[in-house]
């Protein structure tokens, strides 16, 4: 839809909203104007904004940590051995993701080296 829709309600002053079609039947409603009833901005509450920033930073730190661990496992067979002892499920995800990407043989090479080091 190209035009705006006027929405009214107990907490909403007469404002124009834009409707966007998402996956056919769902609609996303965004305000066309950012001014409140007396002209002040309609920002998020300070506490909500801080919580949002905290969650966003945690997400970014998690992605960066996952990338770092993947890079370390990809570069070092000794690190993979450490991960095998401490967190075998994470190492399994590493092997599976490489197999899905078409990189085969890492698991077998690791197992051969670890078995030869035991003897």
PDB file of N, CA and C in Angstrom:
ATOM      1  N   UNK A   1       0.842  -1.170   0.000  1.00  0.00           N
ATOM      2  CA  UNK A   1       0.000   0.000   0.000  1.00  0.00           C
ATOM      3  C   UNK A   1       0.890   1.236   0.000  1.00  0.00           C
ATOM      4  N   UNK A   2       0.535   2.202  -0.787  1.00  0.00           N
ATOM      5  CA  UNK A   2       1.341   3.407  -0.883  1.00  0.00           C
ATOM      6  C   UNK A   2       0.870   4.499   0.065  1.00  0.00           C
ATOM      7  N   UNK A   3      -0.403   4.565   0.349  1.00  0.00           N
ATOM      8  CA  UNK A   3      -0.936   5.636   1.173  1.00  0.00           C
ATOM      9  C   UNK A   3      -0.823   5.326   2.648  1.00  0.00           C
ATOM     10  N   UNK A   4      -1.047   6.337   3.449  1.00  0.00           N
ATOM     11  CA  UNK A   4      -1.029   6.153   4.887  1.00  0.00           C
ATOM     12  C   UNK A   4      -2.420   5.820   5.396  1.00  0.00           C
ATOM     13  N   UNK A   5      -2.486   5.260   6.576  1.00  0.00           N
ATOM     14  CA  UNK A   5      -3.740   4.901   7.207  1.00  0.00           C
ATOM     15  C   UNK A   5      -3.799   5.642   8.529  1.00  0.00           C
ATOM     16  N   UNK A   6      -4.919   6.265   8.848  1.00  0.00           N
ATOM     17  CA  UNK A   6      -5.063   6.969  10.105  1.00  0.00           C
ATOM     18  C   UNK A   6      -5.554   5.988  11.158  1.00  0.00           C
ATOM     19  N   UNK A   7      -4.833   5.924  12.282  1.00  0.00           N
ATOM     20  CA  UNK A   7      -5.159   5.007  13.361  1.00  0.00           C
ATOM     21  C   UNK A   7      -5.485   5.831  14.589  1.00  0.00           C
ATOM     22  N   UNK A   8      -6.577   5.478  15.280  1.00  0.00           N
ATOM     23  CA  UNK A   8      -6.929   6.166  16.512  1.00  0.00           C
ATOM     24  C   UNK A   8      -7.101   5.139  17.613  1.00  0.00           C
ATOM     25  N   UNK A   9      -6.932   5.547  18.818  1.00  0.00           N
ATOM     26  CA  UNK A   9      -7.104   4.660  19.951  1.00  0.00           C
ATOM     27  C   UNK A   9      -6.950   5.454  21.229  1.00  0.00           C
ATOM     28  N   UNK A  10      -7.035   4.792  22.393  1.00  0.00           N
ATOM     29  CA  UNK A  10      -6.975   5.518  23.656  1.00  0.00           C
ATOM     30  C   UNK A  10      -5.633   6.234  23.874  1.00  0.00           C
ATOM     31  N   UNK A  11      -4.533   5.670  23.429  1.00  0.00           N
ATOM     32  CA  UNK A  11      -3.228   6.261  23.646  1.00  0.00           C
ATOM     33  C   UNK A  11      -2.656   6.908  22.394  1.00  0.00           C
ATOM     34  N   UNK A  12      -3.356   6.808  21.270  1.00  0.00           N
ATOM     35  CA  UNK A  12      -2.814   7.260  19.990  1.00  0.00           C
ATOM     36  C   UNK A  12      -3.549   8.514  19.547  1.00  0.00           C
ATOM     37  N   UNK A  13      -2.797   9.570  19.314  1.00  0.00           N
ATOM     38  CA  UNK A  13      -3.382  10.768  18.726  1.00  0.00           C
ATOM     39  C   UNK A  13      -3.588  10.463  17.235  1.00  0.00           C
ATOM     40  N   UNK A  14      -4.300  11.302  16.562  1.00  0.00           N
ATOM     41  CA  UNK A  14      -4.520  11.094  15.138  1.00  0.00           C
ATOM     42  C   UNK A  14      -3.176  11.143  14.423  1.00  0.00           C
ATOM     43  N   UNK A  15      -2.691  10.013  13.963  1.00  0.00           N
ATOM     44  CA  UNK A  15      -1.398   9.910  13.304  1.00  0.00           C
ATOM     45  C   UNK A  15      -1.547   9.101  12.033  1.00  0.00           C
ATOM     46  N   UNK A  16      -0.639   9.316  11.117  1.00  0.00           N
ATOM     47  CA  UNK A  16      -0.595   8.524   9.894  1.00  0.00           C
ATOM     48  C   UNK A  16       0.379   7.376  10.103  1.00  0.00           C
ATOM     49  N   UNK A  17      -0.004   6.174   9.684  1.00  0.00           N
ATOM     50  CA  UNK A  17       0.841   4.990   9.778  1.00  0.00           C
ATOM     51  C   UNK A  17       0.978   4.376   8.394  1.00  0.00           C
ATOM     52  N   UNK A  18       2.096   3.750   8.140  1.00  0.00           N
ATOM     53  CA  UNK A  18       2.352   3.102   6.861  1.00  0.00           C
ATOM     54  C   UNK A  18       2.208   1.596   7.060  1.00  0.00           C
ATOM     55  N   UNK A  19       1.456   0.936   6.193  1.00  0.00           N
ATOM     56  CA  UNK A  19       1.279  -0.504   6.256  1.00  0.00           C
ATOM     57  C   UNK A  19       2.183  -1.165   5.220  1.00  0.00           C
ATOM     58  N   UNK A  20       2.941  -2.141   5.648  1.00  0.00           N
ATOM     59  CA  UNK A  20       3.804  -2.899   4.764  1.00  0.00           C
ATOM     60  C   UNK A  20       3.362  -4.349   4.785  1.00  0.00           C
ATOM     61  N   UNK A  21       3.236  -4.953   3.618  1.00  0.00           N
ATOM     62  CA  UNK A  21       2.851  -6.353   3.534  1.00  0.00           C
ATOM     63  C   UNK A  21       4.080  -7.222   3.755  1.00  0.00           C
ATOM     64  N   UNK A  22       3.964  -8.148   4.679  1.00  0.00           N
ATOM     65  CA  UNK A  22       5.045  -9.072   4.981  1.00  0.00           C
ATOM     66  C   UNK A  22       4.499 -10.482   4.809  1.00  0.00           C
ATOM     67  N   UNK A  23       5.071 -11.256   3.929  1.00  0.00           N
ATOM     68  CA  UNK A  23       4.695 -12.642   3.635  1.00  0.00           C
ATOM     69  C   UNK A  23       3.202 -12.800   3.357  1.00  0.00           C
ATOM     70  N   UNK A  24       2.664 -11.907   2.594  1.00  0.00           N
ATOM     71  CA  UNK A  24       1.295 -12.049   2.134  1.00  0.00           C
ATOM     72  C   UNK A  24       0.238 -11.557   3.088  1.00  0.00           C
ATOM     73  N   UNK A  25       0.113 -12.152   4.282  1.00  0.00           N
ATOM     74  CA  UNK A  25      -1.021 -11.828   5.125  1.00  0.00           C
ATOM     75  C   UNK A  25      -0.664 -10.972   6.337  1.00  0.00           C
ATOM     76  N   UNK A  26       0.588 -10.935   6.726  1.00  0.00           N
ATOM     77  CA  UNK A  26       0.964 -10.135   7.888  1.00  0.00           C
ATOM     78  C   UNK A  26       1.227  -8.702   7.480  1.00  0.00           C
ATOM     79  N   UNK A  27       0.951  -7.767   8.371  1.00  0.00           N
ATOM     80  CA  UNK A  27       1.212  -6.366   8.085  1.00  0.00           C
ATOM     81  C   UNK A  27       2.070  -5.771   9.185  1.00  0.00           C
ATOM     82  N   UNK A  28       3.004  -4.952   8.795  1.00  0.00           N
ATOM     83  CA  UNK A  28       3.860  -4.246   9.726  1.00  0.00           C
ATOM     84  C   UNK A  28       3.438  -2.791   9.692  1.00  0.00           C
ATOM     85  N   UNK A  29       3.158  -2.213  10.856  1.00  0.00           N
ATOM     86  CA  UNK A  29       2.678  -0.844  10.924  1.00  0.00           C
ATOM     87  C   UNK A  29       3.778   0.012  11.527  1.00  0.00           C
ATOM     88  N   UNK A  30       4.217   1.010  10.768  1.00  0.00           N
ATOM     89  CA  UNK A  30       5.245   1.932  11.234  1.00  0.00           C
ATOM     90  C   UNK A  30       4.697   3.348  11.211  1.00  0.00           C
ATOM     91  N   UNK A  31       5.002   4.168  12.222  1.00  0.00           N
ATOM     92  CA  UNK A  31       4.508   5.543  12.205  1.00  0.00           C
ATOM     93  C   UNK A  31       5.211   6.350  11.125  1.00  0.00           C
ATOM     94  N   UNK A  32       4.448   7.202  10.445  1.00  0.00           N
ATOM     95  CA  UNK A  32       5.026   8.063   9.427  1.00  0.00           C
ATOM     96  C   UNK A  32       5.667   9.292  10.050  1.00  0.00           C
ATOM     97  N   UNK A  33       5.194   9.707  11.197  1.00  0.00           N
ATOM     98  CA  UNK A  33       5.746  10.885  11.853  1.00  0.00           C
ATOM     99  C   UNK A  33       6.301  10.503  13.216  1.00  0.00           C
ATOM    100  N   UNK A  34       7.285  11.208  13.679  1.00  0.00           N
ATOM    101  CA  UNK A  34       7.944  10.863  14.931  1.00  0.00           C
ATOM    102  C   UNK A  34       7.611  11.851  16.051  1.00  0.00           C
ATOM    103  N   UNK A  35       6.726  12.795  15.825  1.00  0.00           N
ATOM    104  CA  UNK A  35       6.440  13.791  16.843  1.00  0.00           C
ATOM    105  C   UNK A  35       5.300  13.324  17.739  1.00  0.00           C
ATOM    106  N   UNK A  36       5.415  13.621  19.016  1.00  0.00           N
ATOM    107  CA  UNK A  36       4.380  13.292  19.982  1.00  0.00           C
ATOM    108  C   UNK A  36       3.276  14.332  19.953  1.00  0.00           C
ATOM    109  N   UNK A  37       2.361  14.272  20.920  1.00  0.00           N
ATOM    110  CA  UNK A  37       1.230  15.190  20.925  1.00  0.00           C
ATOM    111  C   UNK A  37       1.649  16.655  21.038  1.00  0.00           C
ATOM    112  N   UNK A  38       2.737  16.949  21.729  1.00  0.00           N
ATOM    113  CA  UNK A  38       3.179  18.334  21.879  1.00  0.00           C
ATOM    114  C   UNK A  38       4.447  18.615  21.087  1.00  0.00           C
ATOM    115  N   UNK A  39       4.786  17.732  20.144  1.00  0.00           N
ATOM    116  CA  UNK A  39       5.942  17.972  19.312  1.00  0.00           C
ATOM    117  C   UNK A  39       7.217  17.294  19.789  1.00  0.00           C
ATOM    118  N   UNK A  40       7.207  16.693  20.999  1.00  0.00           N
ATOM    119  CA  UNK A  40       8.413  16.016  21.453  1.00  0.00           C
ATOM    120  C   UNK A  40       8.558  14.686  20.725  1.00  0.00           C
ATOM    121  N   UNK A  41       9.783  14.171  20.674  1.00  0.00           N
ATOM    122  CA  UNK A  41      10.054  12.927  19.965  1.00  0.00           C
ATOM    123  C   UNK A  41       9.448  11.725  20.659  1.00  0.00           C
ATOM    124  N   UNK A  42       9.128  10.709  19.885  1.00  0.00           N
ATOM    125  CA  UNK A  42       8.594   9.465  20.423  1.00  0.00           C
ATOM    126  C   UNK A  42       9.714   8.442  20.527  1.00  0.00           C
ATOM    127  N   UNK A  43      10.626   8.603  21.425  1.00  0.00           N
ATOM    128  CA  UNK A  43      11.729   7.666  21.570  1.00  0.00           C
ATOM    129  C   UNK A  43      11.362   6.548  22.520  1.00  0.00           C
ATOM    130  N   UNK A  44      12.235   5.565  22.573  1.00  0.00           N
ATOM    131  CA  UNK A  44      12.046   4.489  23.542  1.00  0.00           C
ATOM    132  C   UNK A  44      12.351   5.035  24.920  1.00  0.00           C
ATOM    133  N   UNK A  45      11.788   4.435  25.925  1.00  0.00           N
ATOM    134  CA  UNK A  45      12.098   4.826  27.285  1.00  0.00           C
ATOM    135  C   UNK A  45      13.574   4.575  27.553  1.00  0.00           C
ATOM    136  N   UNK A  46      14.213   5.358  28.413  1.00  0.00           N
ATOM    137  CA  UNK A  46      15.647   5.174  28.673  1.00  0.00           C
ATOM    138  C   UNK A  46      16.001   3.772  29.166  1.00  0.00           C
ATOM    139  N   UNK A  47      15.170   3.184  30.001  1.00  0.00           N
ATOM    140  CA  UNK A  47      15.461   1.838  30.510  1.00  0.00           C
ATOM    141  C   UNK A  47      15.341   0.814  29.385  1.00  0.00           C
ATOM    142  N   UNK A  48      14.306   0.942  28.589  1.00  0.00           N
ATOM    143  CA  UNK A  48      14.120   0.016  27.467  1.00  0.00           C
ATOM    144  C   UNK A  48      15.259   0.149  26.471  1.00  0.00           C
ATOM    145  N   UNK A  49      15.721   1.375  26.252  1.00  0.00           N
ATOM    146  CA  UNK A  49      16.829   1.597  25.331  1.00  0.00           C
ATOM    147  C   UNK A  49      18.108   0.944  25.865  1.00  0.00           C
ATOM    148  N   UNK A  50      18.356   1.056  27.155  1.00  0.00           N
ATOM    149  CA  UNK A  50      19.540   0.439  27.757  1.00  0.00           C
ATOM    150  C   UNK A  50      19.461  -1.079  27.685  1.00  0.00           C
ATOM    151  N   UNK A  51      18.283  -1.630  27.933  1.00  0.00           N
ATOM    152  CA  UNK A  51      18.110  -3.082  27.838  1.00  0.00           C
ATOM    153  C   UNK A  51      18.326  -3.537  26.400  1.00  0.00           C
ATOM    154  N   UNK A  52      17.780  -2.803  25.448  1.00  0.00           N
ATOM    155  CA  UNK A  52      17.960  -3.144  24.039  1.00  0.00           C
ATOM    156  C   UNK A  52      19.432  -3.111  23.652  1.00  0.00           C
ATOM    157  N   UNK A  53      20.143  -2.070  24.078  1.00  0.00           N
ATOM    158  CA  UNK A  53      21.572  -1.974  23.771  1.00  0.00           C
ATOM    159  C   UNK A  53      22.343  -3.124  24.419  1.00  0.00           C
ATOM    160  N   UNK A  54      21.988  -3.471  25.655  1.00  0.00           N
ATOM    161  CA  UNK A  54      22.658  -4.579  26.333  1.00  0.00           C
ATOM    162  C   UNK A  54      22.454  -5.901  25.624  1.00  0.00           C
ATOM    163  N   UNK A  55      21.219  -6.158  25.220  1.00  0.00           N
ATOM    164  CA  UNK A  55      20.925  -7.400  24.494  1.00  0.00           C
ATOM    165  C   UNK A  55      21.651  -7.416  23.155  1.00  0.00           C
ATOM    166  N   UNK A  56      21.671  -6.283  22.473  1.00  0.00           N
ATOM    167  CA  UNK A  56      22.366  -6.189  21.194  1.00  0.00           C
ATOM    168  C   UNK A  56      23.867  -6.426  21.366  1.00  0.00           C
ATOM    169  N   UNK A  57      24.464  -5.846  22.402  1.00  0.00           N
ATOM    170  CA  UNK A  57      25.887  -6.063  22.659  1.00  0.00           C
ATOM    171  C   UNK A  57      26.185  -7.519  23.008  1.00  0.00           C
ATOM    172  N   UNK A  58      25.294  -8.144  23.786  1.00  0.00           N
ATOM    173  CA  UNK A  58      25.479  -9.562  24.116  1.00  0.00           C
ATOM    174  C   UNK A  58      25.408 -10.431  22.861  1.00  0.00           C
ATOM    175  N   UNK A  59      24.474 -10.118  21.976  1.00  0.00           N
ATOM    176  CA  UNK A  59      24.367 -10.860  20.719  1.00  0.00           C
ATOM    177  C   UNK A  59      25.637 -10.705  19.888  1.00  0.00           C
ATOM    178  N   UNK A  60      26.136  -9.481  19.797  1.00  0.00           N
ATOM    179  CA  UNK A  60      27.351  -9.233  19.016  1.00  0.00           C
ATOM    180  C   UNK A  60      28.551  -9.945  19.637  1.00  0.00           C
ATOM    181  N   UNK A  61      28.640  -9.940  20.970  1.00  0.00           N
ATOM    182  CA  UNK A  61      29.739 -10.633  21.646  1.00  0.00           C
ATOM    183  C   UNK A  61      29.636 -12.141  21.412  1.00  0.00           C
ATOM    184  N   UNK A  62      28.431 -12.678  21.416  1.00  0.00           N
ATOM    185  CA  UNK A  62      28.245 -14.103  21.150  1.00  0.00           C
ATOM    186  C   UNK A  62      28.660 -14.499  19.747  1.00  0.00           C
ATOM    187  N   UNK A  63      28.293 -13.687  18.776  1.00  0.00           N
ATOM    188  CA  UNK A  63      28.683 -13.976  17.389  1.00  0.00           C
ATOM    189  C   UNK A  63      30.195 -13.867  17.237  1.00  0.00           C
ATOM    190  N   UNK A  64      30.793 -12.827  17.835  1.00  0.00           N
ATOM    191  CA  UNK A  64      32.246 -12.671  17.756  1.00  0.00           C
ATOM    192  C   UNK A  64      32.957 -13.835  18.438  1.00  0.00           C
ATOM    193  N   UNK A  65      32.450 -14.286  19.576  1.00  0.00           N
ATOM    194  CA  UNK A  65      33.039 -15.427  20.275  1.00  0.00           C
ATOM    195  C   UNK A  65      32.939 -16.704  19.471  1.00  0.00           C
ATOM    196  N   UNK A  66      31.786 -16.920  18.842  1.00  0.00           N
ATOM    197  CA  UNK A  66      31.616 -18.115  18.013  1.00  0.00           C
ATOM    198  C   UNK A  66      32.562 -18.093  16.819  1.00  0.00           C
ATOM    199  N   UNK A  67      32.711 -16.926  16.209  1.00  0.00           N
ATOM    200  CA  UNK A  67      33.652 -16.805  15.076  1.00  0.00           C
ATOM    201  C   UNK A  67      35.084 -17.058  15.531  1.00  0.00           C
ATOM    202  N   UNK A  68      35.448 -16.541  16.704  1.00  0.00           N
ATOM    203  CA  UNK A  68      36.793 -16.735  17.233  1.00  0.00           C
ATOM    204  C   UNK A  68      37.072 -18.214  17.502  1.00  0.00           C
ATOM    205  N   UNK A  69      36.121 -18.894  18.142  1.00  0.00           N
ATOM    206  CA  UNK A  69      36.299 -20.320  18.449  1.00  0.00           C
ATOM    207  C   UNK A  69      36.374 -21.131  17.155  1.00  0.00           C
ATOM    208  N   UNK A  70      35.533 -20.814  16.176  1.00  0.00           N
ATOM    209  CA  UNK A  70      35.574 -21.526  14.901  1.00  0.00           C
ATOM    210  C   UNK A  70      36.926 -21.317  14.222  1.00  0.00           C
ATOM    211  N   UNK A  71      37.432 -20.080  14.222  1.00  0.00           N
ATOM    212  CA  UNK A  71      38.723 -19.798  13.606  1.00  0.00           C
ATOM    213  C   UNK A  71      39.833 -20.571  14.305  1.00  0.00           C
ATOM    214  N   UNK A  72      39.802 -20.594  15.642  1.00  0.00           N
ATOM    215  CA  UNK A  72      40.835 -21.326  16.388  1.00  0.00           C
ATOM    216  C   UNK A  72      40.767 -22.823  16.100  1.00  0.00           C
ATOM    217  N   UNK A  73      39.559 -23.384  16.021  1.00  0.00           N
ATOM    218  CA  UNK A  73      39.431 -24.805  15.713  1.00  0.00           C
ATOM    219  C   UNK A  73      39.876 -25.096  14.286  1.00  0.00           C
ATOM    220  N   UNK A  74      39.615 -24.165  13.380  1.00  0.00           N
ATOM    221  CA  UNK A  74      39.991 -24.357  11.987  1.00  0.00           C
ATOM    222  C   UNK A  74      41.504 -24.294  11.805  1.00  0.00           C
ATOM    223  N   UNK A  75      42.175 -23.517  12.638  1.00  0.00           N
ATOM    224  CA  UNK A  75      43.609 -23.289  12.471  1.00  0.00           C
ATOM    225  C   UNK A  75      44.479 -24.268  13.266  1.00  0.00           C
ATOM    226  N   UNK A  76      43.973 -24.855  14.335  1.00  0.00           N
ATOM    227  CA  UNK A  76      44.828 -25.627  15.229  1.00  0.00           C
ATOM    228  C   UNK A  76      44.211 -26.980  15.590  1.00  0.00           C
ATOM    229  N   UNK A  77      44.951 -28.031  15.260  1.00  0.00           N
ATOM    230  CA  UNK A  77      44.502 -29.373  15.619  1.00  0.00           C
ATOM    231  C   UNK A  77      44.605 -29.596  17.127  1.00  0.00           C
ATOM    232  N   UNK A  78      45.588 -28.971  17.767  1.00  0.00           N
ATOM    233  CA  UNK A  78      45.715 -29.080  19.220  1.00  0.00           C
ATOM    234  C   UNK A  78      44.526 -28.440  19.931  1.00  0.00           C
ATOM    235  N   UNK A  79      44.052 -27.313  19.412  1.00  0.00           N
ATOM    236  CA  UNK A  79      42.874 -26.679  19.997  1.00  0.00           C
ATOM    237  C   UNK A  79      41.647 -27.568  19.814  1.00  0.00           C
ATOM    238  N   UNK A  80      41.535 -28.216  18.664  1.00  0.00           N
ATOM    239  CA  UNK A  80      40.428 -29.157  18.457  1.00  0.00           C
ATOM    240  C   UNK A  80      40.501 -30.303  19.461  1.00  0.00           C
ATOM    241  N   UNK A  81      41.715 -30.757  19.783  1.00  0.00           N
ATOM    242  CA  UNK A  81      41.864 -31.818  20.783  1.00  0.00           C
ATOM    243  C   UNK A  81      41.413 -31.323  22.163  1.00  0.00           C
ATOM    244  N   UNK A  82      41.765 -30.092  22.493  1.00  0.00           N
ATOM    245  CA  UNK A  82      41.303 -29.499  23.754  1.00  0.00           C
ATOM    246  C   UNK A  82      39.777 -29.402  23.768  1.00  0.00           C
ATOM    247  N   UNK A  83      39.203 -28.971  22.657  1.00  0.00           N
ATOM    248  CA  UNK A  83      37.748 -28.879  22.578  1.00  0.00           C
ATOM    249  C   UNK A  83      37.108 -30.261  22.670  1.00  0.00           C
ATOM    250  N   UNK A  84      37.771 -31.278  22.135  1.00  0.00           N
ATOM    251  CA  UNK A  84      37.257 -32.647  22.216  1.00  0.00           C
ATOM    252  C   UNK A  84      37.197 -33.116  23.671  1.00  0.00           C
ATOM    253  N   UNK A  85      38.192 -32.735  24.454  1.00  0.00           N
ATOM    254  CA  UNK A  85      38.202 -33.134  25.866  1.00  0.00           C
ATOM    255  C   UNK A  85      37.200 -32.335  26.696  1.00  0.00           C
ATOM    256  N   UNK A  86      37.088 -31.028  26.427  1.00  0.00           N
ATOM    257  CA  UNK A  86      36.259 -30.158  27.273  1.00  0.00           C
ATOM    258  C   UNK A  86      34.816 -30.023  26.775  1.00  0.00           C
ATOM    259  N   UNK A  87      34.646 -29.784  25.489  1.00  0.00           N
ATOM    260  CA  UNK A  87      33.320 -29.535  24.918  1.00  0.00           C
ATOM    261  C   UNK A  87      33.134 -30.347  23.640  1.00  0.00           C
ATOM    262  N   UNK A  88      32.924 -31.658  23.744  1.00  0.00           N
ATOM    263  CA  UNK A  88      32.813 -32.483  22.530  1.00  0.00           C
ATOM    264  C   UNK A  88      31.626 -32.109  21.634  1.00  0.00           C
ATOM    265  N   UNK A  89      30.559 -31.576  22.201  1.00  0.00           N
ATOM    266  CA  UNK A  89      29.406 -31.218  21.372  1.00  0.00           C
ATOM    267  C   UNK A  89      29.738 -30.035  20.450  1.00  0.00           C
ATOM    268  N   UNK A  90      30.545 -29.091  20.927  1.00  0.00           N
ATOM    269  CA  UNK A  90      30.936 -27.961  20.085  1.00  0.00           C
ATOM    270  C   UNK A  90      31.830 -28.442  18.951  1.00  0.00           C
ATOM    271  N   UNK A  91      32.733 -29.374  19.249  1.00  0.00           N
ATOM    272  CA  UNK A  91      33.593 -29.921  18.205  1.00  0.00           C
ATOM    273  C   UNK A  91      32.769 -30.687  17.174  1.00  0.00           C
ATOM    274  N   UNK A  92      31.741 -31.367  17.618  1.00  0.00           N
ATOM    275  CA  UNK A  92      30.857 -32.086  16.696  1.00  0.00           C
ATOM    276  C   UNK A  92      30.158 -31.110  15.744  1.00  0.00           C
ATOM    277  N   UNK A  93      29.727 -29.964  16.265  1.00  0.00           N
ATOM    278  CA  UNK A  93      29.112 -28.943  15.415  1.00  0.00           C
ATOM    279  C   UNK A  93      30.127 -28.436  14.396  1.00  0.00           C
ATOM    280  N   UNK A  94      31.380 -28.261  14.801  1.00  0.00           N
ATOM    281  CA  UNK A  94      32.439 -27.830  13.880  1.00  0.00           C
ATOM    282  C   UNK A  94      32.611 -28.846  12.757  1.00  0.00           C
ATOM    283  N   UNK A  95      32.701 -30.143  13.125  1.00  0.00           N
ATOM    284  CA  UNK A  95      32.864 -31.186  12.100  1.00  0.00           C
ATOM    285  C   UNK A  95      31.673 -31.208  11.148  1.00  0.00           C
ATOM    286  N   UNK A  96      30.465 -31.149  11.702  1.00  0.00           N
ATOM    287  CA  UNK A  96      29.252 -31.202  10.874  1.00  0.00           C
ATOM    288  C   UNK A  96      29.175 -30.007   9.931  1.00  0.00           C
ATOM    289  N   UNK A  97      29.491 -28.818  10.424  1.00  0.00           N
ATOM    290  CA  UNK A  97      29.400 -27.636   9.568  1.00  0.00           C
ATOM    291  C   UNK A  97      30.413 -27.719   8.425  1.00  0.00           C
ATOM    292  N   UNK A  98      31.595 -28.252   8.697  1.00  0.00           N
ATOM    293  CA  UNK A  98      32.579 -28.424   7.626  1.00  0.00           C
ATOM    294  C   UNK A  98      32.127 -29.485   6.628  1.00  0.00           C
ATOM    295  N   UNK A  99      31.527 -30.572   7.112  1.00  0.00           N
ATOM    296  CA  UNK A  99      31.030 -31.604   6.206  1.00  0.00           C
ATOM    297  C   UNK A  99      29.903 -31.074   5.337  1.00  0.00           C
ATOM    298  N   UNK A 100      29.003 -30.259   5.916  1.00  0.00           N
ATOM    299  CA  UNK A 100      27.921 -29.664   5.130  1.00  0.00           C
ATOM    300  C   UNK A 100      28.475 -28.707   4.088  1.00  0.00           C
ATOM    301  N   UNK A 101      29.609 -28.053   4.403  1.00  0.00           N
ATOM    302  CA  UNK A 101      30.230 -27.116   3.461  1.00  0.00           C
ATOM    303  C   UNK A 101      31.068 -27.829   2.411  1.00  0.00           C
ATOM    304  N   UNK A 102      31.206 -29.150   2.536  1.00  0.00           N
ATOM    305  CA  UNK A 102      31.953 -29.911   1.546  1.00  0.00           C
ATOM    306  C   UNK A 102      33.402 -30.171   1.915  1.00  0.00           C
ATOM    307  N   UNK A 103      33.804 -29.832   3.125  1.00  0.00           N
ATOM    308  CA  UNK A 103      35.175 -30.080   3.581  1.00  0.00           C
ATOM    309  C   UNK A 103      35.142 -31.371   4.393  1.00  0.00           C
ATOM    310  N   UNK A 104      35.685 -32.436   3.818  1.00  0.00           N
ATOM    311  CA  UNK A 104      35.642 -33.750   4.460  1.00  0.00           C
ATOM    312  C   UNK A 104      37.041 -34.167   4.894  1.00  0.00           C
ATOM    313  N   UNK A 105      37.106 -35.051   5.872  1.00  0.00           N
ATOM    314  CA  UNK A 105      38.371 -35.643   6.275  1.00  0.00           C
ATOM    315  C   UNK A 105      39.015 -35.042   7.506  1.00  0.00           C
ATOM    316  N   UNK A 106      38.500 -33.949   8.027  1.00  0.00           N
ATOM    317  CA  UNK A 106      39.115 -33.325   9.208  1.00  0.00           C
ATOM    318  C   UNK A 106      38.961 -34.229  10.423  1.00  0.00           C
ATOM    319  N   UNK A 107      37.772 -34.777  10.617  1.00  0.00           N
ATOM    320  CA  UNK A 107      37.516 -35.655  11.761  1.00  0.00           C
ATOM    321  C   UNK A 107      38.444 -36.877  11.719  1.00  0.00           C
ATOM    322  N   UNK A 108      38.591 -37.467  10.535  1.00  0.00           N
ATOM    323  CA  UNK A 108      39.408 -38.670  10.407  1.00  0.00           C
ATOM    324  C   UNK A 108      40.886 -38.365  10.673  1.00  0.00           C
ATOM    325  N   UNK A 109      41.374 -37.239  10.154  1.00  0.00           N
ATOM    326  CA  UNK A 109      42.768 -36.846  10.400  1.00  0.00           C
ATOM    327  C   UNK A 109      43.011 -36.610  11.888  1.00  0.00           C
ATOM    328  N   UNK A 110      42.068 -35.948  12.539  1.00  0.00           N
ATOM    329  CA  UNK A 110      42.206 -35.696  13.976  1.00  0.00           C
ATOM    330  C   UNK A 110      42.242 -37.006  14.760  1.00  0.00           C
ATOM    331  N   UNK A 111      41.324 -37.913  14.459  1.00  0.00           N
ATOM    332  CA  UNK A 111      41.269 -39.177  15.191  1.00  0.00           C
ATOM    333  C   UNK A 111      42.534 -39.997  14.982  1.00  0.00           C
ATOM    334  N   UNK A 112      43.069 -40.008  13.740  1.00  0.00           N
ATOM    335  CA  UNK A 112      44.322 -40.742  13.487  1.00  0.00           C
ATOM    336  C   UNK A 112      45.479 -40.153  14.296  1.00  0.00           C
ATOM    337  N   UNK A 113      45.589 -38.843  14.319  1.00  0.00           N
ATOM    338  CA  UNK A 113      46.690 -38.218  15.071  1.00  0.00           C
ATOM    339  C   UNK A 113      46.529 -38.464  16.560  1.00  0.00           C
ATOM    340  N   UNK A 114      45.320 -38.323  17.096  1.00  0.00           N
ATOM    341  CA  UNK A 114      45.121 -38.492  18.523  1.00  0.00           C
ATOM    342  C   UNK A 114      45.363 -39.935  18.948  1.00  0.00           C
ATOM    343  N   UNK A 115      44.973 -40.890  18.091  1.00  0.00           N
ATOM    344  CA  UNK A 115      45.241 -42.293  18.419  1.00  0.00           C
ATOM    345  C   UNK A 115      46.738 -42.619  18.348  1.00  0.00           C
ATOM    346  N   UNK A 116      47.439 -42.032  17.370  1.00  0.00           N
ATOM    347  CA  UNK A 116      48.892 -42.299  17.264  1.00  0.00           C
ATOM    348  C   UNK A 116      49.643 -41.639  18.411  1.00  0.00           C
ATOM    349  N   UNK A 117      49.152 -40.511  18.944  1.00  0.00           N
ATOM    350  CA  UNK A 117      49.790 -39.868  20.088  1.00  0.00           C
ATOM    351  C   UNK A 117      49.582 -40.653  21.375  1.00  0.00           C
ATOM    352  N   UNK A 118      48.469 -41.394  21.485  1.00  0.00           N
ATOM    353  CA  UNK A 118      48.217 -42.187  22.689  1.00  0.00           C
ATOM    354  C   UNK A 118      49.192 -43.349  22.790  1.00  0.00           C
ATOM    355  N   UNK A 119      49.551 -43.932  21.650  1.00  0.00           N
ATOM    356  CA  UNK A 119      50.421 -45.124  21.645  1.00  0.00           C
ATOM    357  C   UNK A 119      51.846 -44.763  21.821  1.00  0.00           C
TER     358      UNK A 119
END
